[in-house]
Amino acid sequence: MTKPEIEALLGKNRNILLTQGLTLGGHKCLVIRDNLYTDAQPWTSEPRSTMDLRTKVYHGNKKDNCTHAIAVVLVYPVCLILIGMQGIQGGTLNLKNVSNPLRSPVILSNPVS
């Protein structure tokens, strides 16, 4: 990942992300849900400080013709970026791995399945 990609991801101007998407590690991504700087109400099960992304399909690349879910979680001062395997939904990736990162840290020795 490059510094401009990180700045775009964590920047306060969310309109560009929502209309044009963003690039992470050279892969074009669509924003599915952006709650990175939104305060969720305590009575909801919606995770706080999270963002769900999905990579775009590149038809010219025959090796990887699928999309991947990406969950971004902001736990000050750390930004966690998790990339799911093929077939894993973004909401599942987000809730399964980072629903409460402060109490149960995520240690990934293998990709999330």
C-alpha atoms as a PDB file:
ATOM      1  CA  MET A   1       0.000   0.000   0.000  1.00  0.00           C
ATOM      2  CA  THR A   2       1.149   3.486  -0.749  1.00  0.00           C
ATOM      3  CA  LYS A   3       0.924   6.590   1.396  1.00  0.00           C
ATOM      4  CA  PRO A   4      -1.666   8.255  -0.928  1.00  0.00           C
ATOM      5  CA  GLU A   5      -3.855   5.110  -0.728  1.00  0.00           C
ATOM      6  CA  ILE A   6      -3.764   5.190   3.075  1.00  0.00           C
ATOM      7  CA  GLU A   7      -4.451   8.936   3.148  1.00  0.00           C
ATOM      8  CA  ALA A   8      -7.459   8.470   0.839  1.00  0.00           C
ATOM      9  CA  LEU A   9      -8.760   5.585   2.963  1.00  0.00           C
ATOM     10  CA  LEU A  10      -8.434   7.437   6.268  1.00  0.00           C
ATOM     11  CA  GLY A  11      -9.195  10.943   4.971  1.00  0.00           C
ATOM     12  CA  LYS A  12     -12.157  12.935   6.241  1.00  0.00           C
ATOM     13  CA  ASN A  13     -13.530  13.640   2.732  1.00  0.00           C
ATOM     14  CA  ARG A  14     -15.746  10.598   2.242  1.00  0.00           C
ATOM     15  CA  ASN A  15     -17.587  11.845  -0.889  1.00  0.00           C
ATOM     16  CA  ILE A  16     -14.737  10.895  -3.239  1.00  0.00           C
ATOM     17  CA  LEU A  17     -14.553   7.379  -1.764  1.00  0.00           C
ATOM     18  CA  LEU A  18     -18.285   6.832  -2.139  1.00  0.00           C
ATOM     19  CA  THR A  19     -18.515   8.119  -5.714  1.00  0.00           C
ATOM     20  CA  GLN A  20     -15.203   7.016  -7.244  1.00  0.00           C
ATOM     21  CA  GLY A  21     -14.068   4.166  -4.998  1.00  0.00           C
ATOM     22  CA  LEU A  22     -10.441   3.799  -3.974  1.00  0.00           C
ATOM     23  CA  THR A  23      -7.317   1.793  -4.649  1.00  0.00           C
ATOM     24  CA  LEU A  24      -5.623  -0.457  -2.081  1.00  0.00           C
ATOM     25  CA  GLY A  25      -2.380  -2.158  -3.002  1.00  0.00           C
ATOM     26  CA  GLY A  26      -3.009  -1.336  -6.653  1.00  0.00           C
ATOM     27  CA  HIS A  27      -6.449  -3.022  -6.642  1.00  0.00           C
ATOM     28  CA  LYS A  28      -9.515  -0.923  -7.415  1.00  0.00           C
ATOM     29  CA  CYS A  29     -12.142  -1.242  -4.645  1.00  0.00           C
ATOM     30  CA  LEU A  30     -15.795  -0.339  -4.252  1.00  0.00           C
ATOM     31  CA  VAL A  31     -17.103   1.009  -0.949  1.00  0.00           C
ATOM     32  CA  ILE A  32     -19.967  -1.171   0.302  1.00  0.00           C
ATOM     33  CA  ARG A  33     -20.453   0.334   3.768  1.00  0.00           C
ATOM     34  CA  ASP A  34     -18.596   3.253   5.349  1.00  0.00           C
ATOM     35  CA  ASN A  35     -18.914   3.581   9.115  1.00  0.00           C
ATOM     36  CA  LEU A  36     -15.257   4.447   9.685  1.00  0.00           C
ATOM     37  CA  TYR A  37     -16.056   7.830  11.235  1.00  0.00           C
ATOM     38  CA  THR A  38     -19.705   7.212  12.145  1.00  0.00           C
ATOM     39  CA  ASP A  39     -20.717   6.711  15.753  1.00  0.00           C
ATOM     40  CA  ALA A  40     -23.108   3.754  16.006  1.00  0.00           C
ATOM     41  CA  GLN A  41     -25.825   3.863  18.597  1.00  0.00           C
ATOM     42  CA  PRO A  42     -25.120   1.658  21.632  1.00  0.00           C
ATOM     43  CA  TRP A  43     -28.359  -0.307  21.185  1.00  0.00           C
ATOM     44  CA  THR A  44     -27.487  -1.450  17.652  1.00  0.00           C
ATOM     45  CA  SER A  45     -25.305  -4.376  16.717  1.00  0.00           C
ATOM     46  CA  GLU A  46     -23.588  -2.303  14.025  1.00  0.00           C
ATOM     47  CA  PRO A  47     -19.819  -2.365  14.577  1.00  0.00           C
ATOM     48  CA  ARG A  48     -18.215   1.018  15.118  1.00  0.00           C
ATOM     49  CA  SER A  49     -15.353   2.487  13.101  1.00  0.00           C
ATOM     50  CA  THR A  50     -15.548  -0.045  10.277  1.00  0.00           C
ATOM     51  CA  MET A  51     -15.649  -0.015   6.495  1.00  0.00           C
ATOM     52  CA  ASP A  52     -16.579  -2.806   4.079  1.00  0.00           C
ATOM     53  CA  LEU A  53     -15.015  -2.845   0.621  1.00  0.00           C
ATOM     54  CA  ARG A  54     -15.008  -5.222  -2.330  1.00  0.00           C
ATOM     55  CA  THR A  55     -12.333  -5.510  -4.989  1.00  0.00           C
ATOM     56  CA  LYS A  56     -13.359  -5.064  -8.609  1.00  0.00           C
ATOM     57  CA  VAL A  57     -13.055  -7.923 -11.104  1.00  0.00           C
ATOM     58  CA  TYR A  58     -10.422  -7.512 -13.784  1.00  0.00           C
ATOM     59  CA  HIS A  59     -11.503  -9.617 -16.759  1.00  0.00           C
ATOM     60  CA  GLY A  60      -8.054  -9.391 -18.360  1.00  0.00           C
ATOM     61  CA  ASN A  61      -6.490 -11.294 -15.454  1.00  0.00           C
ATOM     62  CA  LYS A  62      -7.278 -14.976 -15.927  1.00  0.00           C
ATOM     63  CA  LYS A  63      -5.548 -16.031 -12.682  1.00  0.00           C
ATOM     64  CA  ASP A  64      -7.897 -14.188 -10.327  1.00  0.00           C
ATOM     65  CA  ASN A  65     -11.308 -13.617 -11.862  1.00  0.00           C
ATOM     66  CA  CYS A  66     -13.108 -13.179  -8.529  1.00  0.00           C
ATOM     67  CA  THR A  67     -13.674 -10.399  -6.031  1.00  0.00           C
ATOM     68  CA  HIS A  68     -12.596 -10.302  -2.407  1.00  0.00           C
ATOM     69  CA  ALA A  69     -14.240  -8.675   0.601  1.00  0.00           C
ATOM     70  CA  ILE A  70     -12.100  -6.264   2.601  1.00  0.00           C
ATOM     71  CA  ALA A  71     -12.887  -5.132   6.146  1.00  0.00           C
ATOM     72  CA  VAL A  72     -11.199  -2.004   7.490  1.00  0.00           C
ATOM     73  CA  VAL A  73     -11.368  -1.406  11.237  1.00  0.00           C
ATOM     74  CA  LEU A  74     -10.058   1.650  13.013  1.00  0.00           C
ATOM     75  CA  VAL A  75      -8.931   0.915  16.582  1.00  0.00           C
ATOM     76  CA  TYR A  76      -6.993   3.995  17.566  1.00  0.00           C
ATOM     77  CA  PRO A  77      -4.090   4.238  16.775  1.00  0.00           C
ATOM     78  CA  VAL A  78      -4.187   1.105  14.583  1.00  0.00           C
ATOM     79  CA  CYS A  79      -5.972   0.554  11.276  1.00  0.00           C
ATOM     80  CA  LEU A  80      -6.657  -3.153  10.617  1.00  0.00           C
ATOM     81  CA  ILE A  81      -7.232  -4.240   7.027  1.00  0.00           C
ATOM     82  CA  LEU A  82      -8.523  -7.794   6.562  1.00  0.00           C
ATOM     83  CA  ILE A  83      -8.935  -9.423   3.149  1.00  0.00           C
ATOM     84  CA  GLY A  84     -11.275 -12.397   2.915  1.00  0.00           C
ATOM     85  CA  MET A  85     -10.861 -15.443   0.722  1.00  0.00           C
ATOM     86  CA  GLN A  86     -13.051 -16.042  -2.311  1.00  0.00           C
ATOM     87  CA  GLY A  87     -16.711 -16.439  -1.334  1.00  0.00           C
ATOM     88  CA  ILE A  88     -16.474 -14.729   2.072  1.00  0.00           C
ATOM     89  CA  GLN A  89     -18.993 -11.900   2.446  1.00  0.00           C
ATOM     90  CA  GLY A  90     -17.848  -8.539   3.796  1.00  0.00           C
ATOM     91  CA  GLY A  91     -20.305  -8.434   6.691  1.00  0.00           C
ATOM     92  CA  THR A  92     -19.266 -11.916   7.779  1.00  0.00           C
ATOM     93  CA  LEU A  93     -15.601 -11.002   7.569  1.00  0.00           C
ATOM     94  CA  ASN A  94     -16.214  -7.834   9.540  1.00  0.00           C
ATOM     95  CA  LEU A  95     -18.307  -9.358  12.337  1.00  0.00           C
ATOM     96  CA  LYS A  96     -16.401 -12.643  12.609  1.00  0.00           C
ATOM     97  CA  ASN A  97     -12.984 -11.101  12.997  1.00  0.00           C
ATOM     98  CA  VAL A  98     -13.315  -7.643  14.439  1.00  0.00           C
ATOM     99  CA  SER A  99     -16.643  -7.314  16.252  1.00  0.00           C
ATOM    100  CA  ASN A 100     -14.776  -6.506  19.460  1.00  0.00           C
ATOM    101  CA  PRO A 101     -11.078  -6.125  18.700  1.00  0.00           C
ATOM    102  CA  LEU A 102     -10.146  -4.557  22.027  1.00  0.00           C
ATOM    103  CA  ARG A 103     -11.291  -7.521  24.120  1.00  0.00           C
ATOM    104  CA  SER A 104     -10.330 -10.324  21.767  1.00  0.00           C
ATOM    105  CA  PRO A 105      -7.369  -9.480  19.543  1.00  0.00           C
ATOM    106  CA  VAL A 106      -7.272 -11.026  16.106  1.00  0.00           C
ATOM    107  CA  ILE A 107      -4.256 -13.189  15.362  1.00  0.00           C
ATOM    108  CA  LEU A 108      -4.253 -14.425  11.794  1.00  0.00           C
ATOM    109  CA  SER A 109      -1.802 -17.177  11.020  1.00  0.00           C
ATOM    110  CA  ASN A 110      -3.891 -18.354   8.055  1.00  0.00           C
ATOM    111  CA  PRO A 111      -6.270 -16.442   5.773  1.00  0.00           C
ATOM    112  CA  VAL A 112      -9.790 -15.967   7.110  1.00  0.00           C
ATOM    113  CA  SER A 113     -12.148 -18.727   6.011  1.00  0.00           C
END
